[in-house]
Amino acid sequence: MEQEIKTLTGLVGELRLKFEDFEKGRLTRADFDEYKGKVGKDIDDIQTKLNRPPVPAQVVVKENGPSVEMKAFEKMNRRGPQNLNADEVKVLQIGDQTLGGYLAPGEYVREIIKGIILYSPMRSYARVRTTTASFIEIPKKTGASTAKWTYENEAKTETTGIAFGMEKLEPQEMYSLYKASKKSLDDSAFNLEEEIRLDASEQQGKLEGTGFITGDGIGKPEGILSNAALITAKVAGAGGSGVLGVADIFALHYSLPAVYAQNGVWLMNRLTEKACMLLKDTNNFYLWMPSLATGQPSTLLGRPIASTPDMPDIAGGAYAMAFGDFQRGYTIVDRQAMELQRLVELYAEAGQIGFIVNRRVTGRVTLSEAIKILAIQS
């Protein structure tokens, strides 16, 4: 990872030098855009690698060394077919030698090729609670009184306005349903049931992450971009139509009360983060800084950036960026850990076994004043 960080830092530095040449008129817009396009893909690839969740080391399974077929095939190549015994000929011969000869056995790799699943990082920054009940209720202060000055012997009146409410969070169910033939389960070289469990975990993790960002709260979590209070209090962009500007970054940062901003985290996707790399303040300092240590995120105005694939791209009217203390502002509730149930009888007539994987979880904005979202200028 350290090498990737060094490479990323170098690429960003080169891009910024070209940008400064463009600003000073030593480079045309067309030439700068061409260069930006060339290095952009390399920057994207490195950021993707850095943002991937850690993958456990794979264990290479060897069962008693090479297979019988591989041993026989190697012996045939070294000593010739005339030196094979009857059993070795049997495992290699696919018929008469004049009709088919000896079959070169392939190597079976006990590894499944899989793409990377991109997750929302909300669980790392929000408050996560576990419950054994069907829902939880959290008392919430909804109004505050006003203190008053007084002087000696003045009659005191009640300071009204303090009020409390209740925030109810009810976990919703998500599921994955798989069917596999009994034969494939019996004969597979893999632990197919464990692979099903892993796939369900990945896909449900992706689904819940989307819910935490854009969910409408109906049968699923309430996402930060769907919360009515956050939309009402959104920061209106002023960087130009469909453009993210320096003023937008400062406006969003300073719209959040200081007590929350000191623990603030930026949510944006990689394309938005890439647009932040060239933004400078009035003192000609860049706002975005790359990570200088393995496992540490890049920063914007000194606060960490959480790369979030479910956040929208920069476009007119899009909520492309959020900034907040999500530990205080967003709550995730887990009711039930992932549970796998085998459906043995339901699909028995078709020679199949079903696997249904369930989880119950929800999420909601519980303190809207701790989070702010930016709407790009239309």
Protein backbone atom coordinates (compact mmCIF):
# COMPACT_ATOMS: atom_id res chain seq x y z
CA MET A 1 0.00 0.00 0.00
CA GLU A 2 2.85 2.40 0.74
CA GLN A 3 4.02 2.20 -2.87
CA GLU A 4 0.50 3.01 -4.11
CA ILE A 5 0.36 6.05 -1.79
CA LYS A 6 3.72 7.30 -3.10
CA THR A 7 2.59 6.80 -6.70
CA LEU A 8 -0.70 8.59 -6.06
CA THR A 9 1.09 11.49 -4.40
CA GLY A 10 3.45 11.76 -7.37
CA LEU A 11 0.66 11.69 -9.95
CA VAL A 12 -1.35 14.32 -8.11
CA GLY A 13 1.76 16.50 -7.80
CA GLU A 14 2.40 16.28 -11.55
CA LEU A 15 -1.24 17.07 -12.29
CA ARG A 16 -1.10 20.13 -10.05
CA LEU A 17 2.07 21.38 -11.76
CA LYS A 18 0.31 21.14 -15.13
CA PHE A 19 -2.71 22.91 -13.63
CA GLU A 20 -0.52 25.77 -12.45
CA ASP A 21 1.02 26.00 -15.93
CA PHE A 22 -2.51 26.28 -17.32
CA GLU A 23 -3.42 28.99 -14.78
CA LYS A 24 -0.33 31.00 -15.76
CA GLY A 25 -1.08 30.69 -19.48
CA ARG A 26 1.82 28.36 -20.25
CA LEU A 27 -0.56 25.56 -21.22
CA THR A 28 -3.80 25.65 -23.19
CA ARG A 29 -7.07 24.25 -21.80
CA ALA A 30 -7.03 21.55 -24.49
CA ASP A 31 -3.49 20.45 -23.57
CA PHE A 32 -4.28 20.43 -19.87
CA ASP A 33 -7.48 18.41 -20.39
CA GLU A 34 -5.54 15.93 -22.52
CA TYR A 35 -2.91 15.47 -19.82
CA LYS A 36 -5.58 15.25 -17.12
CA GLY A 37 -7.29 12.49 -19.05
CA LYS A 38 -4.04 10.53 -19.36
CA VAL A 39 -3.20 10.54 -15.65
CA GLY A 40 -6.83 10.44 -14.50
CA LYS A 41 -7.23 6.73 -15.11
CA ASP A 42 -4.05 5.92 -13.19
CA ILE A 43 -5.26 8.04 -10.26
CA ASP A 44 -8.68 6.34 -10.36
CA ASP A 45 -7.10 2.86 -10.39
CA ILE A 46 -4.87 3.64 -7.40
CA GLN A 47 -7.74 5.19 -5.42
CA THR A 48 -9.90 2.15 -6.14
CA LYS A 49 -7.15 -0.12 -4.81
CA LEU A 50 -6.65 2.00 -1.69
CA ASN A 51 -10.40 2.10 -0.97
CA ARG A 52 -10.90 -1.65 -1.21
CA PRO A 53 -11.67 -3.47 2.03
CA PRO A 54 -8.83 -5.72 3.18
CA VAL A 55 -8.97 -9.21 1.68
CA PRO A 56 -7.84 -12.10 3.86
CA ALA A 57 -4.91 -14.07 2.53
CA GLN A 58 -6.00 -17.02 0.46
CA VAL A 59 -5.01 -20.46 1.61
CA VAL A 60 -3.71 -22.73 -1.13
CA VAL A 61 -5.06 -26.20 -0.54
CA LYS A 62 -2.93 -29.14 -1.60
CA GLU A 63 -4.37 -32.57 -1.12
CA ASN A 64 -1.54 -35.14 -1.07
CA GLY A 65 0.46 -33.37 -3.78
CA PRO A 66 -0.20 -33.61 -7.55
CA SER A 67 -3.08 -35.70 -8.83
CA VAL A 68 -2.58 -39.23 -10.20
CA GLU A 69 -3.21 -37.89 -13.71
CA MET A 70 -0.56 -35.19 -13.37
CA LYS A 71 2.00 -37.68 -12.02
CA ALA A 72 1.33 -40.08 -14.88
CA PHE A 73 1.45 -37.31 -17.47
CA GLU A 74 4.78 -36.04 -16.12
CA LYS A 75 6.21 -39.58 -16.17
CA MET A 76 5.07 -40.07 -19.77
CA ASN A 77 6.81 -36.84 -20.82
CA ARG A 78 10.04 -37.75 -19.02
CA ARG A 79 10.33 -41.48 -19.82
CA GLY A 80 7.96 -42.07 -22.71
CA PRO A 81 4.65 -44.00 -22.91
CA GLN A 82 6.42 -47.37 -23.03
CA ASN A 83 7.48 -46.96 -19.38
CA LEU A 84 3.94 -46.43 -18.03
CA ASN A 85 2.33 -49.20 -16.01
CA ALA A 86 -1.23 -50.38 -16.66
CA ASP A 87 -2.84 -48.07 -14.09
CA GLU A 88 -0.99 -45.03 -15.45
CA VAL A 89 -2.06 -45.85 -19.01
CA LYS A 90 -5.64 -46.17 -17.83
CA VAL A 91 -5.78 -42.69 -16.27
CA LEU A 92 -4.22 -41.05 -19.34
CA GLN A 93 -5.66 -42.97 -22.27
CA ILE A 94 -8.89 -41.63 -23.76
CA GLY A 95 -9.16 -44.31 -26.39
CA ASP A 96 -6.87 -45.82 -28.93
CA GLN A 97 -3.67 -43.81 -29.27
CA THR A 98 -4.11 -43.51 -33.02
CA LEU A 99 -7.55 -41.98 -32.53
CA GLY A 100 -7.00 -39.69 -29.64
CA GLY A 101 -3.64 -40.22 -28.05
CA TYR A 102 -3.01 -39.19 -24.51
CA LEU A 103 -4.98 -36.41 -22.89
CA ALA A 104 -2.87 -33.69 -21.30
CA PRO A 105 -4.68 -33.16 -17.98
CA GLY A 106 -5.46 -29.57 -17.08
CA GLU A 107 -4.84 -28.07 -13.67
CA TYR A 108 -7.92 -27.33 -11.60
CA VAL A 109 -7.44 -24.16 -9.57
CA ARG A 110 -9.43 -24.15 -6.35
CA GLU A 111 -10.18 -20.47 -6.53
CA ILE A 112 -13.20 -18.53 -7.79
CA ILE A 113 -12.64 -15.42 -9.87
CA LYS A 114 -14.77 -12.65 -8.37
CA GLY A 115 -15.07 -8.92 -8.88
CA ILE A 116 -14.59 -6.45 -6.05
CA ILE A 117 -17.77 -5.38 -4.26
CA LEU A 118 -17.84 -1.65 -3.44
CA TYR A 119 -19.37 -0.85 -0.06
CA SER A 120 -20.60 2.30 1.58
CA PRO A 121 -18.36 3.04 4.61
CA MET A 122 -21.23 4.33 6.80
CA ARG A 123 -20.84 1.56 9.38
CA SER A 124 -17.33 2.80 10.10
CA TYR A 125 -18.52 6.32 10.97
CA ALA A 126 -22.11 6.04 12.26
CA ARG A 127 -23.28 4.92 15.69
CA VAL A 128 -24.08 1.19 15.57
CA ARG A 129 -26.39 -0.42 18.13
CA THR A 130 -27.45 -4.05 18.57
CA THR A 131 -30.83 -5.05 19.98
CA THR A 132 -32.76 -8.23 20.72
CA ALA A 133 -36.11 -6.43 20.55
CA SER A 134 -38.25 -5.80 17.46
CA PHE A 135 -37.45 -2.07 17.64
CA ILE A 136 -35.69 0.49 19.80
CA GLU A 137 -36.82 3.89 21.03
CA ILE A 138 -34.35 6.64 21.84
CA PRO A 139 -35.47 9.71 23.84
CA LYS A 140 -34.72 12.86 21.90
CA LYS A 141 -34.68 16.49 22.95
CA THR A 142 -36.88 18.42 20.53
CA GLY A 143 -36.98 21.87 22.13
CA ALA A 144 -34.95 24.06 24.47
CA SER A 145 -35.88 26.77 26.94
CA THR A 146 -34.31 30.24 27.10
CA ALA A 147 -32.40 31.46 30.16
CA LYS A 148 -33.18 34.93 31.52
CA TRP A 149 -31.38 37.65 33.45
CA THR A 150 -32.75 38.80 36.77
CA TYR A 151 -31.96 41.20 39.57
CA GLU A 152 -32.44 41.13 43.32
CA ASN A 153 -35.99 40.44 44.51
CA GLU A 154 -37.39 40.26 40.95
CA ALA A 155 -40.25 37.78 40.49
CA LYS A 156 -39.15 34.86 38.30
CA THR A 157 -41.29 33.43 35.53
CA GLU A 158 -41.05 29.94 34.09
CA THR A 159 -38.59 29.43 31.24
CA THR A 160 -40.69 27.35 28.84
CA GLY A 161 -39.80 25.61 25.62
CA ILE A 162 -37.98 22.49 26.71
CA ALA A 163 -39.52 19.41 25.08
CA PHE A 164 -38.73 15.77 24.45
CA GLY A 165 -39.77 13.22 21.89
CA MET A 166 -39.02 9.62 20.98
CA GLU A 167 -37.03 8.35 17.99
CA LYS A 168 -38.20 4.88 16.95
CA LEU A 169 -35.97 2.63 14.85
CA GLU A 170 -37.44 -0.64 13.61
CA PRO A 171 -35.03 -3.01 11.85
CA GLN A 172 -36.12 -4.11 8.36
CA GLU A 173 -35.48 -7.51 6.83
CA MET A 174 -33.25 -8.19 3.84
CA TYR A 175 -32.77 -11.59 2.27
CA SER A 176 -30.96 -13.58 -0.40
CA LEU A 177 -32.43 -16.82 -1.83
CA TYR A 178 -30.29 -19.41 -3.59
CA LYS A 179 -31.07 -22.80 -5.13
CA ALA A 180 -28.46 -25.46 -5.80
CA SER A 181 -28.82 -29.02 -7.05
CA LYS A 182 -28.13 -31.68 -4.44
CA LYS A 183 -25.64 -33.23 -6.84
CA SER A 184 -23.59 -30.04 -7.11
CA LEU A 185 -23.54 -29.73 -3.33
CA ASP A 186 -22.38 -33.33 -2.95
CA ASP A 187 -19.76 -33.25 -5.72
CA SER A 188 -18.45 -29.68 -5.69
CA ALA A 189 -14.74 -29.26 -4.99
CA PHE A 190 -15.68 -26.14 -3.03
CA ASN A 191 -17.65 -25.69 0.13
CA LEU A 192 -20.60 -24.34 -1.87
CA GLU A 193 -22.64 -23.53 1.21
CA GLU A 194 -19.86 -21.35 2.57
CA GLU A 195 -19.52 -19.62 -0.82
CA ILE A 196 -23.26 -18.87 -0.75
CA ARG A 197 -22.89 -17.41 2.74
CA LEU A 198 -20.01 -15.20 1.59
CA ASP A 199 -21.85 -14.01 -1.51
CA ALA A 200 -24.94 -13.13 0.54
CA SER A 201 -22.79 -11.22 3.02
CA GLU A 202 -21.21 -9.16 0.22
CA GLN A 203 -24.46 -8.39 -1.58
CA GLN A 204 -26.38 -7.55 1.58
CA GLY A 205 -23.53 -5.32 2.71
CA LYS A 206 -23.77 -3.48 -0.59
CA LEU A 207 -27.58 -3.22 -0.29
CA GLU A 208 -27.54 -1.83 3.25
CA GLY A 209 -24.85 0.69 2.27
CA THR A 210 -27.06 2.03 -0.50
CA GLY A 211 -29.94 2.25 1.98
CA PHE A 212 -27.87 4.32 4.43
CA ILE A 213 -27.25 6.89 1.69
CA THR A 214 -30.38 6.95 -0.50
CA GLY A 215 -32.99 4.74 1.22
CA ASP A 216 -36.49 6.21 1.51
CA GLY A 217 -37.20 4.69 4.95
CA ILE A 218 -40.11 2.57 3.66
CA GLY A 219 -39.21 -1.07 4.29
CA LYS A 220 -35.55 -0.06 4.23
CA PRO A 221 -33.21 2.34 6.07
CA GLU A 222 -33.59 6.10 5.76
CA GLY A 223 -30.65 7.49 3.81
CA ILE A 224 -29.01 10.81 4.61
CA LEU A 225 -29.93 12.11 1.15
CA SER A 226 -33.63 11.32 1.74
CA ASN A 227 -33.99 12.92 5.17
CA ALA A 228 -36.44 15.84 5.01
CA ALA A 229 -34.64 17.93 7.62
CA LEU A 230 -31.29 17.63 5.85
CA ILE A 231 -32.86 18.49 2.48
CA THR A 232 -34.56 21.54 3.98
CA ALA A 233 -31.29 22.73 5.55
CA LYS A 234 -29.11 21.84 2.55
CA VAL A 235 -26.27 24.11 1.49
CA ALA A 236 -27.00 25.60 -1.94
CA GLY A 237 -24.00 25.40 -4.24
CA ALA A 238 -22.65 28.53 -5.89
CA GLY A 239 -19.81 27.14 -7.97
CA GLY A 240 -21.71 27.39 -11.25
CA SER A 241 -24.20 25.16 -13.03
CA GLY A 242 -23.15 21.53 -12.52
CA VAL A 243 -19.79 22.62 -11.06
CA LEU A 244 -18.18 22.06 -7.65
CA GLY A 245 -16.38 25.24 -6.56
CA VAL A 246 -14.03 26.21 -3.76
CA ALA A 247 -16.75 28.36 -2.18
CA ASP A 248 -19.01 25.28 -2.01
CA ILE A 249 -16.43 23.38 0.08
CA PHE A 250 -16.04 26.22 2.57
CA ALA A 251 -19.79 26.86 2.72
CA LEU A 252 -20.51 23.22 3.52
CA HIS A 253 -17.71 22.98 6.09
CA TYR A 254 -18.68 26.13 7.96
CA SER A 255 -22.42 25.44 7.84
CA LEU A 256 -21.79 22.75 10.45
CA PRO A 257 -21.50 23.86 14.10
CA ALA A 258 -17.91 23.71 15.36
CA VAL A 259 -18.65 21.00 17.93
CA TYR A 260 -19.63 18.66 15.08
CA ALA A 261 -17.11 19.92 12.50
CA GLN A 262 -14.17 18.95 14.70
CA ASN A 263 -15.26 15.31 14.27
CA GLY A 264 -16.55 15.79 10.73
CA VAL A 265 -16.12 13.32 7.87
CA TRP A 266 -16.68 14.07 4.16
CA LEU A 267 -18.83 11.68 2.14
CA MET A 268 -18.37 11.72 -1.63
CA ASN A 269 -17.65 9.34 -4.48
CA ARG A 270 -14.26 9.02 -6.15
CA LEU A 271 -15.12 11.27 -9.09
CA THR A 272 -16.08 14.07 -6.72
CA GLU A 273 -12.90 13.53 -4.73
CA LYS A 274 -10.94 13.72 -7.95
CA ALA A 275 -12.54 17.12 -8.68
CA CYS A 276 -11.39 18.32 -5.25
CA MET A 277 -7.74 17.61 -6.01
CA LEU A 278 -7.25 20.86 -7.95
CA LEU A 279 -9.27 23.22 -5.74
CA LYS A 280 -7.22 25.99 -4.03
CA ASP A 281 -8.07 28.63 -1.46
CA THR A 282 -7.35 32.36 -1.78
CA ASN A 283 -3.81 31.81 -0.43
CA ASN A 284 -3.11 29.37 -3.28
CA PHE A 285 -3.08 26.32 -0.98
CA TYR A 286 -4.74 23.12 -2.13
CA LEU A 287 -7.74 21.99 -0.09
CA TRP A 288 -7.28 18.27 -0.78
CA MET A 289 -4.30 16.36 0.59
CA PRO A 290 -3.44 12.73 -0.18
CA SER A 291 -2.96 10.16 2.55
CA LEU A 292 0.60 9.93 3.80
CA ALA A 293 0.22 6.66 5.70
CA THR A 294 -1.14 3.21 4.92
CA GLY A 295 -4.73 2.82 6.08
CA GLN A 296 -5.32 6.55 6.49
CA PRO A 297 -7.80 8.39 4.22
CA SER A 298 -7.09 11.48 2.14
CA THR A 299 -8.30 14.74 3.68
CA LEU A 300 -10.19 17.86 2.65
CA LEU A 301 -9.67 20.96 4.80
CA GLY A 302 -7.94 18.64 7.25
CA ARG A 303 -10.88 16.27 7.73
CA PRO A 304 -10.96 12.68 6.40
CA ILE A 305 -12.74 11.69 3.19
CA ALA A 306 -14.84 8.51 3.19
CA SER A 307 -15.07 7.29 -0.40
CA THR A 308 -18.74 6.38 -0.81
CA PRO A 309 -19.83 4.76 -4.10
CA ASP A 310 -23.52 5.49 -3.49
CA MET A 311 -23.05 9.28 -3.40
CA PRO A 312 -24.12 10.96 -6.69
CA ASP A 313 -21.74 12.40 -9.27
CA ILE A 314 -21.35 16.16 -9.59
CA ALA A 315 -24.32 17.47 -11.60
CA GLY A 316 -26.81 20.30 -11.40
CA GLY A 317 -29.04 19.82 -8.35
CA ALA A 318 -27.26 16.64 -7.19
CA TYR A 319 -26.45 16.10 -3.51
CA ALA A 320 -22.87 15.24 -4.37
CA MET A 321 -21.26 15.80 -0.98
CA ALA A 322 -22.07 15.49 2.71
CA PHE A 323 -20.12 16.59 5.77
CA GLY A 324 -20.94 15.71 9.33
CA ASP A 325 -20.32 13.99 12.62
CA PHE A 326 -22.06 10.74 11.68
CA GLN A 327 -21.29 9.14 15.03
CA ARG A 328 -23.76 11.61 16.56
CA GLY A 329 -26.03 12.21 13.60
CA TYR A 330 -26.77 8.76 12.14
CA THR A 331 -27.71 5.56 13.97
CA ILE A 332 -27.62 2.00 12.63
CA VAL A 333 -29.50 -0.75 14.48
CA ASP A 334 -28.77 -4.47 14.03
CA ARG A 335 -31.53 -6.80 15.19
CA GLN A 336 -30.36 -10.08 13.72
CA ALA A 337 -26.98 -11.21 12.50
CA MET A 338 -26.84 -12.98 9.16
CA GLU A 339 -28.69 -16.29 9.41
CA LEU A 340 -28.59 -19.06 6.78
CA GLN A 341 -31.48 -21.50 6.62
CA ARG A 342 -31.45 -24.68 4.48
CA LEU A 343 -34.73 -25.40 2.64
CA VAL A 344 -34.33 -29.13 2.20
CA GLU A 345 -37.92 -30.25 1.51
CA LEU A 346 -39.28 -27.26 -0.43
CA TYR A 347 -37.36 -27.98 -3.64
CA ALA A 348 -36.74 -31.73 -3.08
CA GLU A 349 -38.91 -32.76 -6.04
CA ALA A 350 -36.61 -30.85 -8.38
CA GLY A 351 -33.51 -32.34 -6.78
CA GLN A 352 -32.53 -28.99 -5.30
CA ILE A 353 -31.80 -27.53 -1.90
CA GLY A 354 -32.65 -23.92 -1.15
CA PHE A 355 -30.64 -21.52 0.98
CA ILE A 356 -32.23 -18.37 2.34
CA VAL A 357 -30.02 -15.84 4.09
CA ASN A 358 -31.71 -13.23 6.31
CA ARG A 359 -30.60 -10.13 8.19
CA ARG A 360 -32.54 -7.43 10.01
CA VAL A 361 -31.05 -3.95 10.12
CA THR A 362 -32.05 -0.31 9.76
CA GLY A 363 -30.53 3.14 9.88
CA ARG A 364 -31.82 6.68 10.34
CA VAL A 365 -30.74 10.27 10.79
CA THR A 366 -31.25 10.82 14.53
CA LEU A 367 -29.63 14.25 14.92
CA SER A 368 -29.96 16.28 11.73
CA GLU A 369 -27.99 19.28 13.04
CA ALA A 370 -24.83 17.11 13.05
CA ILE A 371 -24.91 16.56 9.25
CA LYS A 372 -25.03 18.87 6.24
CA ILE A 373 -25.42 18.08 2.54
CA LEU A 374 -24.39 20.12 -0.50
CA ALA A 375 -26.69 20.61 -3.52
CA ILE A 376 -24.65 21.42 -6.62
CA GLN A 377 -25.89 24.57 -8.37
CA SER A 378 -28.42 23.77 -11.12
